[in-house]
Amino acid sequence: MEAHYIIKRPMLSEKGTASATDHNRYLFEVSRTARKDDIKRAVQELYGVRVIGVNTVNQRGSNRRTRFGYVPGRTTKKAYVKLHPEDKIELF
């Protein structure tokens, strides 16, 4: 897969922003079929940085109640990408 299909978007949450400033670890929403080596290659290609490690989390969507019953939420995959101490990604 191409890099822009693997990395969907950077996730700008409070936890992700704190992790980026304190530990040089960035949070991305990625394709559910992407493996860790695919994510590493895509981040290096898109942002031109050196990646040390990748941790992934499959986040199951919660059920929502509607008048027709329960509807399953969207299941996503997040990737925590740790960069080399000299590298940085400018997201803003």
Protein backbone atom coordinates (compact mmCIF):
# COMPACT_ATOMS: atom_id res chain seq x y z
CA MET A 1 0.00 0.00 0.00
CA GLU A 2 1.02 3.58 -0.54
CA ALA A 3 1.96 5.78 2.40
CA HIS A 4 -1.05 8.10 2.23
CA TYR A 5 -3.41 5.09 2.35
CA ILE A 6 -1.70 3.72 5.47
CA ILE A 7 -1.57 6.95 7.51
CA LYS A 8 -5.11 8.35 7.64
CA ARG A 9 -4.54 11.34 9.92
CA PRO A 10 -2.58 12.51 12.95
CA MET A 11 -4.65 12.38 16.12
CA LEU A 12 -4.47 15.65 18.01
CA SER A 13 -5.78 14.68 21.42
CA GLU A 14 -4.60 15.91 24.79
CA LYS A 15 -2.85 12.61 25.51
CA GLY A 16 -1.23 12.52 22.06
CA THR A 17 0.02 16.09 22.28
CA ALA A 18 1.51 15.51 25.75
CA SER A 19 3.21 12.34 24.52
CA ALA A 20 4.68 14.22 21.55
CA THR A 21 6.14 17.02 23.64
CA ASP A 22 7.41 14.86 26.52
CA HIS A 23 8.54 11.63 24.85
CA ASN A 24 8.85 12.47 21.11
CA ARG A 25 6.07 9.95 20.40
CA TYR A 26 3.35 10.85 17.88
CA LEU A 27 -0.14 9.40 17.52
CA PHE A 28 -1.69 8.54 14.14
CA GLU A 29 -4.90 6.89 12.99
CA VAL A 30 -3.86 4.20 10.51
CA SER A 31 -5.45 1.65 8.24
CA ARG A 32 -6.74 -1.43 10.06
CA THR A 33 -4.82 -3.75 7.72
CA ALA A 34 -1.45 -1.98 8.15
CA ARG A 35 1.39 -3.78 9.94
CA LYS A 36 4.04 -2.12 12.08
CA ASP A 37 6.71 -2.18 9.38
CA ASP A 38 4.23 -0.64 6.89
CA ILE A 39 3.48 2.17 9.35
CA LYS A 40 7.19 2.78 9.99
CA ARG A 41 7.94 3.00 6.26
CA ALA A 42 4.95 5.30 5.64
CA VAL A 43 5.90 7.78 8.40
CA GLN A 44 9.51 7.89 7.20
CA GLU A 45 8.34 8.50 3.63
CA LEU A 46 5.70 11.15 4.41
CA TYR A 47 7.52 13.17 7.08
CA GLY A 48 11.21 12.46 6.36
CA VAL A 49 12.07 11.39 9.93
CA ARG A 50 13.80 8.39 11.52
CA VAL A 51 11.44 6.04 13.35
CA ILE A 52 12.72 4.06 16.33
CA GLY A 53 9.60 2.06 17.18
CA VAL A 54 5.89 1.62 16.50
CA ASN A 55 3.19 0.48 18.94
CA THR A 56 -0.34 -0.19 17.70
CA VAL A 57 -3.73 -0.30 19.42
CA ASN A 58 -6.97 -1.68 17.98
CA GLN A 59 -9.71 0.48 19.48
CA ARG A 60 -13.14 -1.12 19.34
CA GLY A 61 -16.05 1.24 18.75
CA SER A 62 -18.72 1.42 21.43
CA ASN A 63 -22.35 0.58 20.70
CA ARG A 64 -24.76 3.48 20.33
CA ARG A 65 -28.46 3.26 21.01
CA THR A 66 -30.88 4.52 18.39
CA ARG A 67 -34.63 4.15 18.11
CA PHE A 68 -34.06 1.11 15.89
CA GLY A 69 -31.80 -0.70 18.37
CA TYR A 70 -28.06 -0.70 18.93
CA VAL A 71 -25.62 0.36 16.23
CA PRO A 72 -21.94 -0.66 16.48
CA GLY A 73 -19.43 2.17 16.56
CA ARG A 74 -16.46 2.56 14.26
CA THR A 75 -13.45 0.37 15.07
CA THR A 76 -10.14 2.15 14.49
CA LYS A 77 -6.44 1.38 14.72
CA LYS A 78 -4.04 3.83 16.37
CA ALA A 79 -0.27 3.85 16.07
CA TYR A 80 2.14 5.41 18.55
CA VAL A 81 5.32 6.24 16.60
CA LYS A 82 8.53 6.96 18.53
CA LEU A 83 11.04 9.12 16.67
CA HIS A 84 14.78 9.60 16.93
CA PRO A 85 15.60 12.28 19.57
CA GLU A 86 16.94 14.68 16.90
CA ASP A 87 13.82 14.44 14.69
CA LYS A 88 10.50 16.23 15.09
CA ILE A 89 7.21 16.42 13.17
CA GLU A 90 5.51 19.80 12.76
CA LEU A 91 1.77 19.06 12.76
CA PHE A 92 0.54 22.68 12.93
